Amino acid sequence: MAGAFFCCHLGTAYRRRSFSSRPGAIPPEGDGGQPPKKQEAFYEAYRMELTHYEAAGRYLDGVMNGRTGIPLKAWKAEQEKLTAERKELSRRYLALKDEVKEAEQIRKGVYAILREENRKEQPTHKQDLDR
């Protein structure tokens, strides 16, 4: 029942949208479809959950484009495609991570060799203590 509010505690259903343009509006008094006080209290207690439920229903109505069944084949194909893409990216990431590790080791080695050569080239200065 799209747009209908069903209270499982009271076993009654009524259409809220037909009573007001404001979502979540309670029908006016004196109407045959008016909710009992317990139903109003239930709605107030679970307003946020009911709002999320209705928003999800509107979203699915827009996404499904009038279809009644869930497009499982398309979703599974998309899932398989995305899983394969994720695995490929993960493999590439690990390969690049290994390359970066090797490059860092080479860089550290080069700096160590350059420091050693600089130490050999620079003459040692003895400080004169008798100044």
N, C-alpha and C. Protein backbone atom coordinates (compact mmCIF):
# COMPACT_ATOMS: atom_id res chain seq x y z
N MET A 1 0.84 -1.17 0.00
CA MET A 1 0.00 0.00 0.00
C MET A 1 0.89 1.24 0.00
N ALA A 2 1.19 1.80 -1.13
CA ALA A 2 2.01 3.00 -1.20
C ALA A 2 1.20 4.18 -0.69
N GLY A 3 1.76 4.91 0.25
CA GLY A 3 1.08 6.08 0.78
C GLY A 3 0.11 5.74 1.90
N ALA A 4 -0.01 4.50 2.28
CA ALA A 4 -0.92 4.14 3.36
C ALA A 4 -0.11 3.85 4.61
N PHE A 5 -0.68 4.14 5.74
CA PHE A 5 -0.05 3.88 7.02
C PHE A 5 -0.79 2.71 7.65
N PHE A 6 -0.04 1.67 8.00
CA PHE A 6 -0.66 0.50 8.58
C PHE A 6 -0.15 0.35 10.00
N CYS A 7 -1.04 0.28 10.92
CA CYS A 7 -0.67 0.12 12.31
C CYS A 7 -0.85 -1.35 12.67
N CYS A 8 0.26 -2.05 12.86
CA CYS A 8 0.17 -3.48 13.13
C CYS A 8 -0.42 -3.76 14.50
N HIS A 9 -0.33 -2.81 15.43
CA HIS A 9 -0.89 -3.02 16.76
C HIS A 9 -2.41 -3.00 16.74
N LEU A 10 -2.97 -2.15 15.91
CA LEU A 10 -4.42 -2.00 15.88
C LEU A 10 -5.05 -2.72 14.70
N GLY A 11 -4.26 -3.13 13.74
CA GLY A 11 -4.77 -3.85 12.59
C GLY A 11 -5.60 -2.98 11.65
N THR A 12 -5.34 -1.69 11.65
CA THR A 12 -6.10 -0.80 10.78
C THR A 12 -5.16 -0.12 9.81
N ALA A 13 -5.70 0.27 8.68
CA ALA A 13 -4.92 0.99 7.69
C ALA A 13 -5.74 2.17 7.20
N TYR A 14 -5.07 3.26 6.93
CA TYR A 14 -5.74 4.40 6.34
C TYR A 14 -4.73 5.16 5.51
N ARG A 15 -5.23 5.98 4.59
CA ARG A 15 -4.36 6.77 3.73
C ARG A 15 -4.18 8.15 4.35
N ARG A 16 -2.90 8.44 4.71
CA ARG A 16 -2.62 9.75 5.29
C ARG A 16 -2.51 10.81 4.21
N ARG A 17 -1.97 10.47 3.06
CA ARG A 17 -1.72 11.46 2.02
C ARG A 17 -3.03 12.07 1.49
N SER A 18 -4.11 11.33 1.55
CA SER A 18 -5.35 11.86 1.01
C SER A 18 -5.97 12.91 1.92
N PHE A 19 -5.52 13.03 3.17
CA PHE A 19 -6.12 13.97 4.10
C PHE A 19 -5.43 15.32 4.08
N SER A 20 -4.17 15.36 3.72
CA SER A 20 -3.44 16.62 3.74
C SER A 20 -2.28 16.54 2.75
N SER A 21 -1.83 17.69 2.28
CA SER A 21 -0.69 17.70 1.38
C SER A 21 0.61 17.55 2.16
N ARG A 22 0.55 17.76 3.46
CA ARG A 22 1.74 17.66 4.29
C ARG A 22 2.00 16.19 4.62
N PRO A 23 3.22 15.67 4.33
CA PRO A 23 3.51 14.27 4.65
C PRO A 23 3.41 14.05 6.15
N GLY A 24 2.81 12.96 6.54
CA GLY A 24 2.69 12.61 7.94
C GLY A 24 1.51 13.25 8.64
N ALA A 25 0.62 13.90 7.88
CA ALA A 25 -0.50 14.58 8.51
C ALA A 25 -1.52 13.55 9.00
N ILE A 26 -2.11 13.85 10.11
CA ILE A 26 -3.15 13.00 10.69
C ILE A 26 -4.49 13.46 10.12
N PRO A 27 -5.39 12.53 9.74
CA PRO A 27 -6.66 12.93 9.16
C PRO A 27 -7.50 13.74 10.15
N PRO A 28 -8.36 14.62 9.64
CA PRO A 28 -9.18 15.46 10.52
C PRO A 28 -10.18 14.63 11.30
N GLU A 29 -10.64 15.20 12.42
CA GLU A 29 -11.63 14.54 13.27
C GLU A 29 -12.95 14.42 12.51
N GLY A 30 -13.70 13.42 12.83
CA GLY A 30 -15.02 13.25 12.22
C GLY A 30 -14.98 12.49 10.92
N ASP A 31 -13.82 12.21 10.39
CA ASP A 31 -13.70 11.46 9.15
C ASP A 31 -13.77 9.97 9.49
N GLY A 32 -14.31 9.18 8.60
CA GLY A 32 -14.45 7.76 8.85
C GLY A 32 -13.11 7.05 8.96
N GLY A 33 -12.05 7.59 8.38
CA GLY A 33 -10.74 6.96 8.43
C GLY A 33 -9.85 7.54 9.50
N GLN A 34 -10.44 8.21 10.49
CA GLN A 34 -9.60 8.85 11.50
C GLN A 34 -8.89 7.81 12.35
N PRO A 35 -7.66 8.10 12.72
CA PRO A 35 -6.92 7.15 13.53
C PRO A 35 -7.31 7.25 15.01
N PRO A 36 -7.33 6.18 15.70
CA PRO A 36 -7.58 6.24 17.14
C PRO A 36 -6.42 6.90 17.86
N LYS A 37 -6.61 7.24 19.12
CA LYS A 37 -5.57 7.93 19.89
C LYS A 37 -4.30 7.09 20.00
N LYS A 38 -4.44 5.78 20.14
CA LYS A 38 -3.27 4.91 20.23
C LYS A 38 -2.46 4.97 18.94
N GLN A 39 -3.16 5.05 17.83
CA GLN A 39 -2.48 5.10 16.55
C GLN A 39 -1.72 6.41 16.39
N GLU A 40 -2.30 7.50 16.86
CA GLU A 40 -1.60 8.79 16.82
C GLU A 40 -0.36 8.74 17.69
N ALA A 41 -0.48 8.14 18.87
CA ALA A 41 0.66 8.03 19.77
C ALA A 41 1.76 7.17 19.14
N PHE A 42 1.34 6.08 18.49
CA PHE A 42 2.31 5.21 17.81
C PHE A 42 3.03 5.98 16.71
N TYR A 43 2.27 6.74 15.93
CA TYR A 43 2.88 7.50 14.85
C TYR A 43 3.86 8.52 15.41
N GLU A 44 3.50 9.20 16.47
CA GLU A 44 4.38 10.20 17.07
C GLU A 44 5.64 9.53 17.63
N ALA A 45 5.49 8.35 18.23
CA ALA A 45 6.62 7.67 18.82
C ALA A 45 7.61 7.20 17.75
N TYR A 46 7.11 6.83 16.58
CA TYR A 46 7.97 6.29 15.52
C TYR A 46 8.00 7.17 14.29
N ARG A 47 7.84 8.47 14.48
CA ARG A 47 7.79 9.41 13.37
C ARG A 47 9.03 9.32 12.49
N MET A 48 10.21 9.29 13.09
CA MET A 48 11.46 9.28 12.32
C MET A 48 11.56 7.99 11.48
N GLU A 49 11.28 6.84 12.08
CA GLU A 49 11.36 5.58 11.36
C GLU A 49 10.36 5.54 10.21
N LEU A 50 9.14 6.02 10.47
CA LEU A 50 8.12 6.03 9.43
C LEU A 50 8.50 6.99 8.30
N THR A 51 9.11 8.10 8.63
CA THR A 51 9.55 9.05 7.62
C THR A 51 10.63 8.42 6.74
N HIS A 52 11.58 7.73 7.38
CA HIS A 52 12.62 7.05 6.60
C HIS A 52 12.03 5.95 5.72
N TYR A 53 11.06 5.23 6.25
CA TYR A 53 10.41 4.17 5.48
C TYR A 53 9.72 4.74 4.24
N GLU A 54 9.01 5.85 4.43
CA GLU A 54 8.30 6.48 3.31
C GLU A 54 9.29 7.03 2.28
N ALA A 55 10.40 7.61 2.77
CA ALA A 55 11.41 8.14 1.86
C ALA A 55 12.04 7.01 1.05
N ALA A 56 12.28 5.87 1.70
CA ALA A 56 12.83 4.73 0.98
C ALA A 56 11.84 4.23 -0.07
N GLY A 57 10.56 4.23 0.27
CA GLY A 57 9.54 3.82 -0.70
C GLY A 57 9.50 4.74 -1.90
N ARG A 58 9.59 6.06 -1.66
CA ARG A 58 9.60 7.01 -2.78
C ARG A 58 10.86 6.82 -3.64
N TYR A 59 11.99 6.58 -2.99
CA TYR A 59 13.23 6.37 -3.73
C TYR A 59 13.11 5.13 -4.61
N LEU A 60 12.62 4.03 -4.04
CA LEU A 60 12.49 2.80 -4.82
C LEU A 60 11.48 2.95 -5.95
N ASP A 61 10.40 3.70 -5.71
CA ASP A 61 9.44 3.93 -6.78
C ASP A 61 10.11 4.64 -7.95
N GLY A 62 10.97 5.60 -7.65
CA GLY A 62 11.67 6.33 -8.71
C GLY A 62 12.71 5.48 -9.41
N VAL A 63 13.41 4.65 -8.66
CA VAL A 63 14.47 3.83 -9.23
C VAL A 63 13.90 2.68 -10.05
N MET A 64 12.80 2.10 -9.60
CA MET A 64 12.25 0.92 -10.25
C MET A 64 11.52 1.25 -11.55
N ASN A 65 11.18 2.48 -11.77
CA ASN A 65 10.50 2.91 -13.01
C ASN A 65 9.26 2.08 -13.32
N GLY A 66 8.47 1.81 -12.33
CA GLY A 66 7.22 1.09 -12.54
C GLY A 66 7.35 -0.43 -12.54
N ARG A 67 8.57 -0.94 -12.45
CA ARG A 67 8.75 -2.39 -12.40
C ARG A 67 8.36 -2.88 -11.01
N THR A 68 7.87 -4.10 -10.95
CA THR A 68 7.49 -4.65 -9.65
C THR A 68 8.55 -5.58 -9.10
N GLY A 69 9.36 -6.16 -9.96
CA GLY A 69 10.40 -7.08 -9.51
C GLY A 69 11.73 -6.36 -9.37
N ILE A 70 12.58 -6.93 -8.55
CA ILE A 70 13.92 -6.38 -8.36
C ILE A 70 14.81 -6.92 -9.48
N PRO A 71 15.57 -6.05 -10.14
CA PRO A 71 16.43 -6.49 -11.25
C PRO A 71 17.68 -7.21 -10.74
N LEU A 72 17.50 -8.44 -10.27
CA LEU A 72 18.60 -9.18 -9.66
C LEU A 72 19.73 -9.47 -10.64
N LYS A 73 19.39 -9.83 -11.88
CA LYS A 73 20.43 -10.15 -12.86
C LYS A 73 21.33 -8.94 -13.11
N ALA A 74 20.73 -7.79 -13.27
CA ALA A 74 21.51 -6.58 -13.52
C ALA A 74 22.37 -6.24 -12.31
N TRP A 75 21.80 -6.38 -11.11
CA TRP A 75 22.56 -6.06 -9.90
C TRP A 75 23.70 -7.05 -9.69
N LYS A 76 23.45 -8.32 -9.96
CA LYS A 76 24.52 -9.32 -9.81
C LYS A 76 25.62 -9.09 -10.83
N ALA A 77 25.24 -8.74 -12.06
CA ALA A 77 26.24 -8.45 -13.09
C ALA A 77 27.08 -7.24 -12.68
N GLU A 78 26.42 -6.21 -12.16
CA GLU A 78 27.14 -5.03 -11.71
C GLU A 78 28.06 -5.38 -10.53
N GLN A 79 27.57 -6.21 -9.62
CA GLN A 79 28.39 -6.62 -8.48
C GLN A 79 29.63 -7.39 -8.94
N GLU A 80 29.45 -8.30 -9.89
CA GLU A 80 30.58 -9.06 -10.40
C GLU A 80 31.59 -8.15 -11.10
N LYS A 81 31.07 -7.20 -11.87
CA LYS A 81 31.95 -6.25 -12.57
C LYS A 81 32.74 -5.42 -11.56
N LEU A 82 32.06 -4.91 -10.55
CA LEU A 82 32.72 -4.08 -9.55
C LEU A 82 33.70 -4.89 -8.71
N THR A 83 33.36 -6.14 -8.42
CA THR A 83 34.27 -7.00 -7.66
C THR A 83 35.53 -7.27 -8.46
N ALA A 84 35.38 -7.55 -9.75
CA ALA A 84 36.55 -7.77 -10.61
C ALA A 84 37.40 -6.51 -10.69
N GLU A 85 36.76 -5.37 -10.80
CA GLU A 85 37.49 -4.10 -10.87
C GLU A 85 38.25 -3.85 -9.56
N ARG A 86 37.60 -4.15 -8.44
CA ARG A 86 38.24 -3.96 -7.14
C ARG A 86 39.46 -4.88 -7.01
N LYS A 87 39.33 -6.13 -7.44
CA LYS A 87 40.46 -7.07 -7.37
C LYS A 87 41.61 -6.60 -8.25
N GLU A 88 41.31 -6.10 -9.45
CA GLU A 88 42.35 -5.60 -10.34
C GLU A 88 43.05 -4.39 -9.72
N LEU A 89 42.28 -3.48 -9.15
CA LEU A 89 42.88 -2.31 -8.51
C LEU A 89 43.71 -2.71 -7.29
N SER A 90 43.24 -3.68 -6.56
CA SER A 90 44.00 -4.17 -5.40
C SER A 90 45.32 -4.79 -5.84
N ARG A 91 45.28 -5.57 -6.92
CA ARG A 91 46.50 -6.18 -7.45
C ARG A 91 47.49 -5.10 -7.90
N ARG A 92 46.98 -4.09 -8.61
CA ARG A 92 47.84 -2.99 -9.07
C ARG A 92 48.42 -2.21 -7.89
N TYR A 93 47.59 -2.01 -6.87
CA TYR A 93 48.04 -1.28 -5.67
C TYR A 93 49.20 -2.03 -5.00
N LEU A 94 49.06 -3.35 -4.84
CA LEU A 94 50.12 -4.13 -4.19
C LEU A 94 51.40 -4.11 -5.02
N ALA A 95 51.27 -4.16 -6.34
CA ALA A 95 52.46 -4.10 -7.20
C ALA A 95 53.14 -2.74 -7.07
N LEU A 96 52.36 -1.67 -7.07
CA LEU A 96 52.93 -0.33 -6.91
C LEU A 96 53.55 -0.15 -5.52
N LYS A 97 52.91 -0.75 -4.52
CA LYS A 97 53.43 -0.66 -3.17
C LYS A 97 54.80 -1.31 -3.09
N ASP A 98 54.97 -2.47 -3.75
CA ASP A 98 56.27 -3.14 -3.78
C ASP A 98 57.30 -2.30 -4.52
N GLU A 99 56.90 -1.69 -5.63
CA GLU A 99 57.82 -0.83 -6.38
C GLU A 99 58.28 0.36 -5.55
N VAL A 100 57.35 0.96 -4.82
CA VAL A 100 57.70 2.11 -3.97
C VAL A 100 58.66 1.67 -2.88
N LYS A 101 58.43 0.50 -2.32
CA LYS A 101 59.32 -0.03 -1.28
C LYS A 101 60.73 -0.22 -1.84
N GLU A 102 60.84 -0.79 -3.03
CA GLU A 102 62.14 -0.97 -3.67
C GLU A 102 62.81 0.37 -3.95
N ALA A 103 62.02 1.33 -4.46
CA ALA A 103 62.57 2.65 -4.76
C ALA A 103 63.07 3.33 -3.48
N GLU A 104 62.36 3.17 -2.38
CA GLU A 104 62.80 3.76 -1.11
C GLU A 104 64.10 3.13 -0.64
N GLN A 105 64.23 1.82 -0.81
CA GLN A 105 65.47 1.14 -0.42
C GLN A 105 66.64 1.64 -1.28
N ILE A 106 66.41 1.82 -2.57
CA ILE A 106 67.45 2.34 -3.47
C ILE A 106 67.83 3.75 -3.06
N ARG A 107 66.82 4.59 -2.79
CA ARG A 107 67.07 5.98 -2.38
C ARG A 107 67.91 6.02 -1.10
N LYS A 108 67.56 5.20 -0.13
CA LYS A 108 68.32 5.18 1.13
C LYS A 108 69.75 4.72 0.88
N GLY A 109 69.91 3.73 0.00
CA GLY A 109 71.26 3.25 -0.32
C GLY A 109 72.09 4.33 -0.99
N VAL A 110 71.49 5.05 -1.93
CA VAL A 110 72.20 6.12 -2.63
C VAL A 110 72.61 7.21 -1.65
N TYR A 111 71.73 7.62 -0.75
CA TYR A 111 72.08 8.64 0.24
C TYR A 111 73.18 8.15 1.18
N ALA A 112 73.14 6.87 1.53
CA ALA A 112 74.19 6.33 2.40
C ALA A 112 75.54 6.37 1.69
N ILE A 113 75.59 6.00 0.40
CA ILE A 113 76.83 6.03 -0.37
C ILE A 113 77.33 7.46 -0.51
N LEU A 114 76.41 8.42 -0.80
CA LEU A 114 76.82 9.82 -0.92
C LEU A 114 77.36 10.36 0.40
N ARG A 115 76.78 10.02 1.52
CA ARG A 115 77.28 10.48 2.81
C ARG A 115 78.68 9.92 3.06
N GLU A 116 78.85 8.65 2.73
CA GLU A 116 80.17 8.01 2.92
C GLU A 116 81.22 8.69 2.05
N GLU A 117 80.89 9.00 0.81
CA GLU A 117 81.85 9.66 -0.07
C GLU A 117 82.16 11.06 0.42
N ASN A 118 81.16 11.78 0.92
CA ASN A 118 81.38 13.13 1.44
C ASN A 118 82.32 13.08 2.65
N ARG A 119 82.19 12.07 3.47
CA ARG A 119 83.07 11.95 4.64
C ARG A 119 84.51 11.69 4.19
N LYS A 120 84.69 10.89 3.15
CA LYS A 120 86.03 10.59 2.67
C LYS A 120 86.67 11.80 2.00
N GLU A 121 85.90 12.59 1.27
CA GLU A 121 86.43 13.74 0.54
C GLU A 121 86.76 14.90 1.46
N GLN A 122 86.02 15.10 2.51
CA GLN A 122 86.26 16.24 3.38
C GLN A 122 87.45 15.94 4.30
N PRO A 123 88.40 16.85 4.31
CA PRO A 123 89.54 16.64 5.21
C PRO A 123 89.09 16.85 6.66
N THR A 124 89.71 16.14 7.52
CA THR A 124 89.37 16.32 8.93
C THR A 124 90.08 17.54 9.47
N HIS A 125 89.38 18.35 10.15
CA HIS A 125 89.94 19.57 10.72
C HIS A 125 90.25 19.33 12.18
N LYS A 126 91.50 19.55 12.49
CA LYS A 126 91.87 19.45 13.91
C LYS A 126 91.78 20.85 14.49
N GLN A 127 91.09 20.93 15.54
CA GLN A 127 90.95 22.23 16.17
C GLN A 127 92.20 22.53 16.99
N ASP A 128 92.56 23.74 16.85
CA ASP A 128 93.75 24.16 17.57
C ASP A 128 93.32 24.58 18.96
N LEU A 129 93.86 23.98 19.96
CA LEU A 129 93.48 24.27 21.33
C LEU A 129 94.27 25.44 21.92
N ASP A 130 95.33 25.87 21.30
CA ASP A 130 96.18 26.91 21.85
C ASP A 130 95.81 28.30 21.37
N ARG A 131 94.76 28.56 20.94
CA ARG A 131 94.39 29.88 20.41
C ARG A 131 94.45 30.89 21.45
